[in-house]
Amino acid sequence: MEKRGNRPFTEAFYLACLVLLLTNGFSGCGRNDSSSSTEESRVANQVPMVFSPEAQECSAWPDPALRKAFEAYWKAALSGRTDETFRMEAAYVRQLIPEKRYAKTMDFLYQRNKPEAIEVAQPRARSSYLVEIPVKLRVPLPAKGLPLPTRVDFWVKTDSGWYHAQKPSVLFPELGLSVGPQGSHPEGKEVKTE
């Protein structure tokens, strides 16, 4: 076996493989397909979006259409309507990730431990075409002393509207692996301003 000198890449590769195996292994045991769409809608409507005082202000959102797209995306995600969320993903995501694998990963993320609420912080514009929205997921029975799962949603503006942008992760290796320093995030320079 050839020894590679790029140790962080090797560790990240093995970690990505492990997560991918776990994701694919659990995906066959997903939510009960016998549930009706009315049941899914009822459950999604019970998951409130709690906007911080800053995020409630209309001026916090660079475009009213962004808030509308954001809310539609999360309602669909929590209802298990992955066909809708897939259409709300940025074009590069739809081109690189097969829709069936996307659906399995989304079901794994949001249907197993369905959040009880979503806390939404003030959006931050990285450029006029890239906005990040900090989100905190309140999940049932968190381990005592552990922080709530947080993430930053990225949204990109195109000629046809706002789209959810997936950042590179081990859950979606098709997008590449993020091996940069901890806490690194896009600064907006990746988005063309033409």
N, C-alpha and C. Protein backbone atom coordinates (compact mmCIF):
# COMPACT_ATOMS: atom_id res chain seq x y z
N MET A 1 0.85 -1.18 0.00
CA MET A 1 0.00 0.00 0.00
C MET A 1 0.88 1.23 0.00
N GLU A 2 0.60 2.14 -0.90
CA GLU A 2 1.41 3.35 -1.03
C GLU A 2 1.08 4.30 0.12
N LYS A 3 2.10 4.84 0.73
CA LYS A 3 1.91 5.78 1.83
C LYS A 3 1.76 7.18 1.26
N ARG A 4 0.73 7.85 1.67
CA ARG A 4 0.46 9.22 1.21
C ARG A 4 0.95 10.21 2.26
N GLY A 5 1.45 11.32 1.79
CA GLY A 5 1.96 12.34 2.70
C GLY A 5 0.89 13.31 3.16
N ASN A 6 -0.28 13.28 2.57
CA ASN A 6 -1.33 14.23 2.89
C ASN A 6 -2.26 13.62 3.94
N ARG A 7 -1.85 13.62 5.18
CA ARG A 7 -2.58 12.97 6.26
C ARG A 7 -3.97 13.57 6.50
N PRO A 8 -4.16 14.92 6.52
CA PRO A 8 -5.52 15.44 6.75
C PRO A 8 -6.50 14.96 5.68
N PHE A 9 -6.05 14.84 4.43
CA PHE A 9 -6.94 14.35 3.38
C PHE A 9 -7.33 12.91 3.65
N THR A 10 -6.37 12.08 4.04
CA THR A 10 -6.62 10.66 4.30
C THR A 10 -7.61 10.50 5.45
N GLU A 11 -7.41 11.24 6.53
CA GLU A 11 -8.32 11.16 7.67
C GLU A 11 -9.71 11.63 7.27
N ALA A 12 -9.80 12.71 6.52
CA ALA A 12 -11.09 13.22 6.07
C ALA A 12 -11.76 12.23 5.13
N PHE A 13 -10.97 11.56 4.28
CA PHE A 13 -11.52 10.57 3.36
C PHE A 13 -12.12 9.40 4.14
N TYR A 14 -11.41 8.88 5.13
CA TYR A 14 -11.92 7.77 5.91
C TYR A 14 -13.15 8.18 6.71
N LEU A 15 -13.16 9.38 7.25
CA LEU A 15 -14.31 9.88 7.97
C LEU A 15 -15.51 10.00 7.04
N ALA A 16 -15.28 10.50 5.83
CA ALA A 16 -16.36 10.62 4.86
C ALA A 16 -16.92 9.26 4.49
N CYS A 17 -16.05 8.28 4.32
CA CYS A 17 -16.50 6.92 3.99
C CYS A 17 -17.34 6.34 5.13
N LEU A 18 -16.91 6.55 6.36
CA LEU A 18 -17.64 6.04 7.52
C LEU A 18 -19.03 6.66 7.59
N VAL A 19 -19.10 7.97 7.47
CA VAL A 19 -20.40 8.65 7.53
C VAL A 19 -21.28 8.22 6.37
N LEU A 20 -20.70 8.07 5.19
CA LEU A 20 -21.47 7.63 4.02
C LEU A 20 -22.03 6.23 4.25
N LEU A 21 -21.23 5.32 4.80
CA LEU A 21 -21.71 3.98 5.09
C LEU A 21 -22.84 4.00 6.11
N LEU A 22 -22.67 4.80 7.16
CA LEU A 22 -23.72 4.90 8.17
C LEU A 22 -24.99 5.49 7.58
N THR A 23 -24.85 6.54 6.77
CA THR A 23 -26.01 7.18 6.16
C THR A 23 -26.74 6.20 5.25
N ASN A 24 -26.01 5.50 4.41
CA ASN A 24 -26.65 4.54 3.51
C ASN A 24 -27.22 3.36 4.28
N GLY A 25 -26.58 2.95 5.35
CA GLY A 25 -27.08 1.84 6.15
C GLY A 25 -28.37 2.17 6.85
N PHE A 26 -28.47 3.36 7.39
CA PHE A 26 -29.68 3.76 8.10
C PHE A 26 -30.80 4.17 7.16
N SER A 27 -30.47 4.53 5.94
CA SER A 27 -31.49 5.06 5.04
C SER A 27 -32.55 4.03 4.69
N GLY A 28 -32.24 2.77 4.75
CA GLY A 28 -33.23 1.75 4.48
C GLY A 28 -34.24 1.61 5.60
N CYS A 29 -33.92 2.14 6.78
CA CYS A 29 -34.81 2.03 7.93
C CYS A 29 -35.49 3.36 8.20
N GLY A 30 -35.74 4.12 7.18
CA GLY A 30 -36.27 5.48 7.30
C GLY A 30 -37.68 5.52 7.83
N ARG A 31 -38.34 6.63 7.61
CA ARG A 31 -39.67 6.84 8.13
C ARG A 31 -40.65 5.87 7.49
N ASN A 32 -41.76 5.70 8.10
CA ASN A 32 -42.78 4.79 7.64
C ASN A 32 -43.44 5.36 6.38
N ASP A 33 -43.31 4.67 5.26
CA ASP A 33 -43.86 5.16 4.01
C ASP A 33 -45.37 5.10 3.97
N SER A 34 -46.02 4.43 4.92
CA SER A 34 -47.47 4.34 4.93
C SER A 34 -48.11 5.62 5.45
N SER A 35 -47.32 6.55 5.98
CA SER A 35 -47.89 7.79 6.48
C SER A 35 -48.40 8.63 5.33
N SER A 36 -49.52 9.27 5.56
CA SER A 36 -50.13 10.06 4.49
C SER A 36 -49.53 11.44 4.43
N SER A 37 -49.75 12.12 3.30
CA SER A 37 -49.21 13.47 3.16
C SER A 37 -49.91 14.43 4.11
N THR A 38 -51.19 14.17 4.47
CA THR A 38 -51.86 15.04 5.43
C THR A 38 -51.22 14.90 6.80
N GLU A 39 -50.81 13.70 7.15
CA GLU A 39 -50.10 13.49 8.42
C GLU A 39 -48.79 14.24 8.42
N GLU A 40 -48.05 14.16 7.30
CA GLU A 40 -46.77 14.88 7.19
C GLU A 40 -46.99 16.38 7.32
N SER A 41 -48.03 16.89 6.69
CA SER A 41 -48.31 18.33 6.76
C SER A 41 -48.66 18.73 8.18
N ARG A 42 -49.46 17.90 8.86
CA ARG A 42 -49.84 18.20 10.24
C ARG A 42 -48.62 18.26 11.13
N VAL A 43 -47.71 17.31 10.98
CA VAL A 43 -46.49 17.28 11.79
C VAL A 43 -45.64 18.50 11.50
N ALA A 44 -45.48 18.86 10.22
CA ALA A 44 -44.66 20.01 9.86
C ALA A 44 -45.22 21.30 10.43
N ASN A 45 -46.56 21.40 10.44
CA ASN A 45 -47.16 22.62 10.97
C ASN A 45 -46.99 22.73 12.47
N GLN A 46 -46.69 21.62 13.15
CA GLN A 46 -46.46 21.66 14.58
C GLN A 46 -45.03 22.10 14.92
N VAL A 47 -44.15 22.16 13.96
CA VAL A 47 -42.78 22.57 14.20
C VAL A 47 -42.68 24.08 13.94
N PRO A 48 -42.69 24.85 15.01
CA PRO A 48 -42.67 26.30 14.81
C PRO A 48 -41.28 26.82 14.44
N MET A 49 -41.30 27.89 13.66
CA MET A 49 -40.07 28.62 13.37
C MET A 49 -40.07 29.82 14.30
N VAL A 50 -39.08 29.87 15.16
CA VAL A 50 -38.98 30.94 16.15
C VAL A 50 -37.91 31.92 15.65
N PHE A 51 -38.35 33.08 15.20
CA PHE A 51 -37.44 34.09 14.68
C PHE A 51 -36.97 34.98 15.82
N SER A 52 -35.67 35.22 15.86
CA SER A 52 -35.12 36.14 16.86
C SER A 52 -35.72 37.53 16.60
N PRO A 53 -35.68 38.41 17.61
CA PRO A 53 -36.22 39.76 17.39
C PRO A 53 -35.58 40.45 16.17
N GLU A 54 -34.28 40.23 15.96
CA GLU A 54 -33.61 40.85 14.81
C GLU A 54 -34.10 40.23 13.50
N ALA A 55 -34.34 38.92 13.50
CA ALA A 55 -34.79 38.24 12.28
C ALA A 55 -36.25 38.54 11.96
N GLN A 56 -37.00 39.01 12.95
CA GLN A 56 -38.40 39.36 12.71
C GLN A 56 -38.54 40.66 11.91
N GLU A 57 -37.53 41.51 12.00
CA GLU A 57 -37.58 42.78 11.29
C GLU A 57 -37.51 42.56 9.78
N CYS A 58 -38.40 43.22 9.07
CA CYS A 58 -38.38 43.11 7.59
C CYS A 58 -37.05 43.58 7.01
N SER A 59 -36.45 44.58 7.66
CA SER A 59 -35.18 45.12 7.15
C SER A 59 -34.03 44.14 7.32
N ALA A 60 -34.19 43.10 8.15
CA ALA A 60 -33.13 42.11 8.35
C ALA A 60 -32.95 41.23 7.12
N TRP A 61 -33.99 41.11 6.32
CA TRP A 61 -33.96 40.25 5.14
C TRP A 61 -33.67 41.10 3.92
N PRO A 62 -32.62 40.79 3.16
CA PRO A 62 -32.26 41.62 2.01
C PRO A 62 -33.32 41.63 0.92
N ASP A 63 -34.22 40.66 0.97
CA ASP A 63 -35.26 40.54 -0.04
C ASP A 63 -36.41 39.75 0.58
N PRO A 64 -37.66 40.27 0.52
CA PRO A 64 -38.78 39.51 1.09
C PRO A 64 -38.93 38.11 0.47
N ALA A 65 -38.52 37.96 -0.77
CA ALA A 65 -38.60 36.66 -1.43
C ALA A 65 -37.67 35.64 -0.76
N LEU A 66 -36.58 36.09 -0.15
CA LEU A 66 -35.67 35.18 0.54
C LEU A 66 -36.36 34.56 1.75
N ARG A 67 -37.03 35.37 2.55
CA ARG A 67 -37.72 34.82 3.73
C ARG A 67 -38.80 33.83 3.30
N LYS A 68 -39.52 34.15 2.25
CA LYS A 68 -40.56 33.26 1.75
C LYS A 68 -39.96 31.92 1.29
N ALA A 69 -38.85 31.97 0.56
CA ALA A 69 -38.18 30.76 0.09
C ALA A 69 -37.63 29.95 1.27
N PHE A 70 -37.04 30.64 2.25
CA PHE A 70 -36.49 30.00 3.44
C PHE A 70 -37.57 29.23 4.19
N GLU A 71 -38.71 29.88 4.44
CA GLU A 71 -39.80 29.23 5.17
C GLU A 71 -40.37 28.05 4.37
N ALA A 72 -40.52 28.20 3.07
CA ALA A 72 -41.05 27.11 2.24
C ALA A 72 -40.10 25.92 2.25
N TYR A 73 -38.80 26.18 2.20
CA TYR A 73 -37.80 25.10 2.21
C TYR A 73 -37.91 24.30 3.50
N TRP A 74 -37.92 25.00 4.64
CA TRP A 74 -37.92 24.30 5.92
C TRP A 74 -39.24 23.58 6.17
N LYS A 75 -40.36 24.15 5.76
CA LYS A 75 -41.64 23.45 5.92
C LYS A 75 -41.64 22.16 5.10
N ALA A 76 -41.12 22.22 3.89
CA ALA A 76 -41.03 21.02 3.05
C ALA A 76 -40.06 20.01 3.65
N ALA A 77 -38.91 20.47 4.15
CA ALA A 77 -37.91 19.56 4.72
C ALA A 77 -38.47 18.83 5.93
N LEU A 78 -39.18 19.53 6.79
CA LEU A 78 -39.71 18.91 8.00
C LEU A 78 -40.93 18.03 7.72
N SER A 79 -41.54 18.21 6.57
CA SER A 79 -42.67 17.36 6.17
C SER A 79 -42.20 16.13 5.42
N GLY A 80 -40.90 16.07 5.12
CA GLY A 80 -40.38 14.93 4.37
C GLY A 80 -40.62 15.05 2.87
N ARG A 81 -40.94 16.24 2.40
CA ARG A 81 -41.19 16.44 0.97
C ARG A 81 -39.87 16.79 0.28
N THR A 82 -39.02 15.77 0.15
CA THR A 82 -37.68 16.00 -0.39
C THR A 82 -37.71 16.35 -1.87
N ASP A 83 -38.76 15.98 -2.58
CA ASP A 83 -38.85 16.38 -3.99
C ASP A 83 -38.95 17.90 -4.09
N GLU A 84 -39.66 18.52 -3.14
CA GLU A 84 -39.77 19.99 -3.14
C GLU A 84 -38.45 20.64 -2.73
N THR A 85 -37.82 20.12 -1.67
CA THR A 85 -36.57 20.74 -1.24
C THR A 85 -35.49 20.57 -2.29
N PHE A 86 -35.51 19.44 -2.99
CA PHE A 86 -34.51 19.22 -4.05
C PHE A 86 -34.65 20.30 -5.13
N ARG A 87 -35.88 20.65 -5.48
CA ARG A 87 -36.10 21.70 -6.50
C ARG A 87 -35.70 23.08 -5.97
N MET A 88 -35.62 23.24 -4.65
CA MET A 88 -35.23 24.52 -4.06
C MET A 88 -33.72 24.62 -3.85
N GLU A 89 -32.99 23.55 -4.15
CA GLU A 89 -31.54 23.57 -4.02
C GLU A 89 -30.93 24.30 -5.23
N ALA A 90 -29.77 24.88 -5.02
CA ALA A 90 -29.06 25.57 -6.10
C ALA A 90 -28.76 24.58 -7.23
N ALA A 91 -28.61 25.10 -8.42
CA ALA A 91 -28.42 24.26 -9.61
C ALA A 91 -27.23 23.31 -9.47
N TYR A 92 -26.13 23.76 -8.88
CA TYR A 92 -24.95 22.89 -8.76
C TYR A 92 -25.25 21.68 -7.88
N VAL A 93 -26.11 21.86 -6.86
CA VAL A 93 -26.48 20.75 -5.99
C VAL A 93 -27.30 19.72 -6.77
N ARG A 94 -28.28 20.20 -7.51
CA ARG A 94 -29.13 19.29 -8.30
C ARG A 94 -28.34 18.58 -9.39
N GLN A 95 -27.26 19.20 -9.87
CA GLN A 95 -26.45 18.57 -10.91
C GLN A 95 -25.49 17.53 -10.35
N LEU A 96 -25.01 17.75 -9.12
CA LEU A 96 -23.98 16.87 -8.56
C LEU A 96 -24.50 15.74 -7.67
N ILE A 97 -25.67 15.95 -7.05
CA ILE A 97 -26.19 14.95 -6.12
C ILE A 97 -27.39 14.25 -6.76
N PRO A 98 -27.36 12.93 -6.86
CA PRO A 98 -28.53 12.21 -7.38
C PRO A 98 -29.73 12.43 -6.45
N GLU A 99 -30.91 12.63 -7.02
CA GLU A 99 -32.09 12.98 -6.23
C GLU A 99 -32.44 11.89 -5.20
N LYS A 100 -32.28 10.63 -5.56
CA LYS A 100 -32.61 9.55 -4.61
C LYS A 100 -31.69 9.57 -3.39
N ARG A 101 -30.40 9.82 -3.62
CA ARG A 101 -29.47 9.88 -2.49
C ARG A 101 -29.72 11.11 -1.65
N TYR A 102 -30.04 12.21 -2.30
CA TYR A 102 -30.40 13.44 -1.59
C TYR A 102 -31.59 13.17 -0.67
N ALA A 103 -32.62 12.50 -1.20
CA ALA A 103 -33.83 12.22 -0.42
C ALA A 103 -33.50 11.34 0.79
N LYS A 104 -32.67 10.32 0.60
CA LYS A 104 -32.29 9.45 1.72
C LYS A 104 -31.55 10.22 2.80
N THR A 105 -30.63 11.09 2.40
CA THR A 105 -29.86 11.87 3.37
C THR A 105 -30.76 12.85 4.12
N MET A 106 -31.65 13.52 3.39
CA MET A 106 -32.55 14.48 4.04
C MET A 106 -33.50 13.77 5.01
N ASP A 107 -34.02 12.61 4.61
CA ASP A 107 -34.87 11.85 5.53
C ASP A 107 -34.10 11.45 6.78
N PHE A 108 -32.87 11.03 6.60
CA PHE A 108 -32.02 10.66 7.73
C PHE A 108 -31.82 11.85 8.66
N LEU A 109 -31.59 13.02 8.10
CA LEU A 109 -31.30 14.20 8.92
C LEU A 109 -32.52 14.74 9.65
N TYR A 110 -33.66 14.82 8.98
CA TYR A 110 -34.79 15.56 9.56
C TYR A 110 -35.99 14.72 9.93
N GLN A 111 -36.02 13.43 9.59
CA GLN A 111 -37.17 12.63 9.95
C GLN A 111 -36.91 11.73 11.15
N ARG A 112 -35.66 11.39 11.40
CA ARG A 112 -35.36 10.50 12.53
C ARG A 112 -35.59 11.21 13.86
N ASN A 113 -34.95 12.34 14.07
CA ASN A 113 -35.13 13.15 15.28
C ASN A 113 -35.73 14.47 14.84
N LYS A 114 -37.02 14.44 14.56
CA LYS A 114 -37.69 15.63 14.05
C LYS A 114 -37.55 16.78 15.06
N PRO A 115 -37.05 17.91 14.61
CA PRO A 115 -36.93 19.05 15.52
C PRO A 115 -38.28 19.48 16.08
N GLU A 116 -38.26 19.93 17.33
CA GLU A 116 -39.48 20.45 17.96
C GLU A 116 -39.70 21.90 17.58
N ALA A 117 -38.62 22.59 17.24
CA ALA A 117 -38.70 23.99 16.80
C ALA A 117 -37.41 24.34 16.07
N ILE A 118 -37.50 25.38 15.29
CA ILE A 118 -36.32 25.89 14.58
C ILE A 118 -36.16 27.34 14.99
N GLU A 119 -35.01 27.66 15.57
CA GLU A 119 -34.71 29.03 15.95
C GLU A 119 -33.92 29.68 14.82
N VAL A 120 -34.40 30.81 14.35
CA VAL A 120 -33.80 31.48 13.21
C VAL A 120 -33.20 32.81 13.67
N ALA A 121 -31.92 32.98 13.43
CA ALA A 121 -31.23 34.23 13.79
C ALA A 121 -31.22 35.17 12.58
N GLN A 122 -30.70 36.35 12.80
CA GLN A 122 -30.67 37.38 11.76
C GLN A 122 -29.82 36.95 10.57
N PRO A 123 -30.37 37.06 9.36
CA PRO A 123 -29.58 36.74 8.16
C PRO A 123 -28.40 37.68 8.03
N ARG A 124 -27.31 37.15 7.45
CA ARG A 124 -26.11 37.96 7.21
C ARG A 124 -25.77 37.88 5.73
N ALA A 125 -25.72 39.02 5.08
CA ALA A 125 -25.39 39.06 3.66
C ALA A 125 -23.88 39.02 3.50
N ARG A 126 -23.39 38.01 2.77
CA ARG A 126 -21.96 37.92 2.45
C ARG A 126 -21.68 38.71 1.18
N SER A 127 -22.68 38.81 0.34
CA SER A 127 -22.65 39.64 -0.86
C SER A 127 -24.11 39.83 -1.24
N SER A 128 -24.36 40.55 -2.31
CA SER A 128 -25.75 40.73 -2.71
C SER A 128 -26.35 39.45 -3.29
N TYR A 129 -25.51 38.43 -3.51
CA TYR A 129 -25.97 37.17 -4.08
C TYR A 129 -25.83 35.98 -3.13
N LEU A 130 -25.27 36.19 -1.95
CA LEU A 130 -25.05 35.11 -1.00
C LEU A 130 -25.42 35.58 0.40
N VAL A 131 -26.35 34.86 1.03
CA VAL A 131 -26.80 35.20 2.38
C VAL A 131 -26.70 33.94 3.24
N GLU A 132 -26.25 34.11 4.47
CA GLU A 132 -26.23 33.00 5.41
C GLU A 132 -27.23 33.28 6.52
N ILE A 133 -27.91 32.23 6.94
CA ILE A 133 -28.94 32.35 7.97
C ILE A 133 -28.62 31.33 9.06
N PRO A 134 -28.20 31.80 10.25
CA PRO A 134 -27.94 30.87 11.35
C PRO A 134 -29.24 30.24 11.85
N VAL A 135 -29.22 28.92 12.01
CA VAL A 135 -30.39 28.16 12.43
C VAL A 135 -29.99 27.24 13.58
N LYS A 136 -30.83 27.17 14.59
CA LYS A 136 -30.61 26.25 15.71
C LYS A 136 -31.81 25.31 15.76
N LEU A 137 -31.55 24.01 15.77
CA LEU A 137 -32.62 23.01 15.78
C LEU A 137 -32.84 22.51 17.20
N ARG A 138 -34.06 22.69 17.71
CA ARG A 138 -34.42 22.13 19.02
C ARG A 138 -34.90 20.71 18.78
N VAL A 139 -34.11 19.74 19.21
CA VAL A 139 -34.45 18.34 19.01
C VAL A 139 -34.95 17.74 20.32
N PRO A 140 -35.77 16.67 20.23
CA PRO A 140 -36.29 16.05 21.45
C PRO A 140 -35.17 15.44 22.30
N LEU A 141 -35.32 15.56 23.57
CA LEU A 141 -34.42 14.95 24.55
C LEU A 141 -32.93 15.14 24.25
N PRO A 142 -32.46 16.38 24.22
CA PRO A 142 -31.01 16.55 24.02
C PRO A 142 -30.27 16.05 25.25
N ALA A 143 -29.08 15.57 25.04
CA ALA A 143 -28.26 15.10 26.16
C ALA A 143 -27.94 16.29 27.06
N LYS A 144 -28.03 16.06 28.32
CA LYS A 144 -27.82 17.15 29.29
C LYS A 144 -26.43 17.76 29.12
N GLY A 145 -26.40 19.07 28.99
CA GLY A 145 -25.14 19.78 28.88
C GLY A 145 -24.64 19.94 27.45
N LEU A 146 -25.26 19.24 26.50
CA LEU A 146 -24.83 19.38 25.10
C LEU A 146 -25.59 20.52 24.44
N PRO A 147 -24.91 21.29 23.60
CA PRO A 147 -25.60 22.39 22.92
C PRO A 147 -26.56 21.86 21.87
N LEU A 148 -27.55 22.68 21.53
CA LEU A 148 -28.48 22.32 20.47
C LEU A 148 -27.75 22.30 19.14
N PRO A 149 -28.15 21.40 18.24
CA PRO A 149 -27.51 21.37 16.92
C PRO A 149 -27.72 22.69 16.19
N THR A 150 -26.66 23.24 15.68
CA THR A 150 -26.76 24.49 14.93
C THR A 150 -26.19 24.28 13.54
N ARG A 151 -26.61 25.12 12.65
CA ARG A 151 -26.09 25.09 11.29
C ARG A 151 -26.27 26.48 10.70
N VAL A 152 -25.61 26.71 9.63
CA VAL A 152 -25.78 27.96 8.90
C VAL A 152 -26.32 27.58 7.53
N ASP A 153 -27.51 28.08 7.24
CA ASP A 153 -28.10 27.88 5.93
C ASP A 153 -27.51 28.91 4.98
N PHE A 154 -27.12 28.47 3.79
CA PHE A 154 -26.62 29.39 2.78
C PHE A 154 -27.66 29.48 1.67
N TRP A 155 -27.90 30.69 1.20
CA TRP A 155 -28.87 30.95 0.14
C TRP A 155 -28.21 31.80 -0.93
N VAL A 156 -28.41 31.41 -2.19
CA VAL A 156 -27.83 32.15 -3.31
C VAL A 156 -28.95 32.70 -4.18
N LYS A 157 -28.73 33.90 -4.68
CA LYS A 157 -29.72 34.55 -5.54
C LYS A 157 -29.30 34.38 -7.00
N THR A 158 -30.25 33.97 -7.82
CA THR A 158 -30.02 33.85 -9.26
C THR A 158 -31.08 34.67 -9.97
N ASP A 159 -31.03 34.67 -11.28
CA ASP A 159 -32.05 35.39 -12.05
C ASP A 159 -33.45 34.85 -11.81
N SER A 160 -33.55 33.57 -11.43
CA SER A 160 -34.87 32.97 -11.22
C SER A 160 -35.30 32.93 -9.75
N GLY A 161 -34.54 33.52 -8.85
CA GLY A 161 -34.93 33.58 -7.45
C GLY A 161 -33.86 33.09 -6.49
N TRP A 162 -34.27 32.84 -5.25
CA TRP A 162 -33.37 32.39 -4.19
C TRP A 162 -33.37 30.87 -4.11
N TYR A 163 -32.17 30.28 -3.92
CA TYR A 163 -32.01 28.84 -3.82
C TYR A 163 -31.13 28.48 -2.64
N HIS A 164 -31.47 27.36 -2.01
CA HIS A 164 -30.69 26.84 -0.89
C HIS A 164 -29.37 26.30 -1.42
N ALA A 165 -28.29 26.59 -0.75
CA ALA A 165 -26.96 26.15 -1.19
C ALA A 165 -26.39 25.18 -0.15
N GLN A 166 -26.06 23.99 -0.58
CA GLN A 166 -25.42 23.02 0.30
C GLN A 166 -23.92 23.29 0.27
N LYS A 167 -23.31 23.29 1.43
CA LYS A 167 -21.87 23.45 1.45
C LYS A 167 -21.22 22.07 1.48
N PRO A 168 -19.99 21.96 1.03
CA PRO A 168 -19.33 20.65 1.02
C PRO A 168 -19.31 20.03 2.41
N SER A 169 -19.66 18.74 2.47
CA SER A 169 -19.67 18.04 3.75
C SER A 169 -19.52 16.54 3.51
N VAL A 170 -19.35 15.80 4.59
CA VAL A 170 -19.24 14.36 4.46
C VAL A 170 -20.59 13.73 4.13
N LEU A 171 -21.69 14.44 4.37
CA LEU A 171 -23.00 13.91 4.02
C LEU A 171 -23.25 13.95 2.52
N PHE A 172 -22.65 14.93 1.87
CA PHE A 172 -22.78 15.05 0.41
C PHE A 172 -21.38 15.09 -0.19
N PRO A 173 -20.69 13.96 -0.26
CA PRO A 173 -19.31 13.95 -0.77
C PRO A 173 -19.23 14.35 -2.24
N GLU A 174 -20.35 14.31 -2.95
CA GLU A 174 -20.34 14.73 -4.36
C GLU A 174 -19.94 16.20 -4.50
N LEU A 175 -20.15 16.97 -3.44
CA LEU A 175 -19.82 18.40 -3.47
C LEU A 175 -18.37 18.66 -3.09
N GLY A 176 -17.64 17.63 -2.70
CA GLY A 176 -16.27 17.78 -2.23
C GLY A 176 -16.25 17.75 -0.72
N LEU A 177 -15.08 17.65 -0.16
CA LEU A 177 -14.95 17.63 1.29
C LEU A 177 -14.39 18.94 1.79
N SER A 178 -14.98 19.43 2.84
CA SER A 178 -14.48 20.64 3.47
C SER A 178 -13.43 20.24 4.49
N VAL A 179 -12.17 20.44 4.13
CA VAL A 179 -11.08 20.04 5.01
C VAL A 179 -10.37 21.29 5.55
N GLY A 180 -10.97 22.45 5.33
CA GLY A 180 -10.36 23.70 5.76
C GLY A 180 -10.36 23.83 7.27
N PRO A 181 -9.83 24.95 7.76
CA PRO A 181 -9.79 25.16 9.21
C PRO A 181 -11.19 25.19 9.79
N GLN A 182 -11.30 24.75 11.04
CA GLN A 182 -12.59 24.71 11.71
C GLN A 182 -13.19 26.11 11.73
N GLY A 183 -14.49 26.19 11.41
CA GLY A 183 -15.18 27.47 11.40
C GLY A 183 -15.04 28.22 10.10
N SER A 184 -14.38 27.65 9.10
CA SER A 184 -14.25 28.35 7.83
C SER A 184 -15.59 28.33 7.11
N HIS A 185 -15.88 29.37 6.37
CA HIS A 185 -17.13 29.48 5.64
C HIS A 185 -16.92 30.35 4.42
N PRO A 186 -17.81 30.25 3.46
CA PRO A 186 -17.68 31.10 2.27
C PRO A 186 -17.78 32.57 2.64
N GLU A 187 -17.03 33.38 2.00
CA GLU A 187 -17.06 34.82 2.26
C GLU A 187 -17.76 35.59 1.16
N GLY A 188 -18.33 34.91 0.19
CA GLY A 188 -19.05 35.59 -0.87
C GLY A 188 -18.24 35.73 -2.13
N LYS A 189 -16.92 35.53 -2.06
CA LYS A 189 -16.10 35.72 -3.24
C LYS A 189 -16.30 34.59 -4.25
N GLU A 190 -16.95 33.47 -3.78
CA GLU A 190 -17.19 32.35 -4.68
C GLU A 190 -18.34 32.64 -5.64
N VAL A 191 -19.13 33.64 -5.34
CA VAL A 191 -20.31 33.93 -6.13
C VAL A 191 -20.00 35.01 -7.15
N LYS A 192 -20.32 34.74 -8.42
CA LYS A 192 -20.07 35.73 -9.46
C LYS A 192 -21.05 36.89 -9.31
N THR A 193 -20.56 38.09 -9.50
CA THR A 193 -21.41 39.26 -9.33
C THR A 193 -21.78 39.88 -10.67
N GLU A 194 -21.59 39.14 -11.74
CA GLU A 194 -21.89 39.67 -13.07
C GLU A 194 -23.36 39.69 -13.34
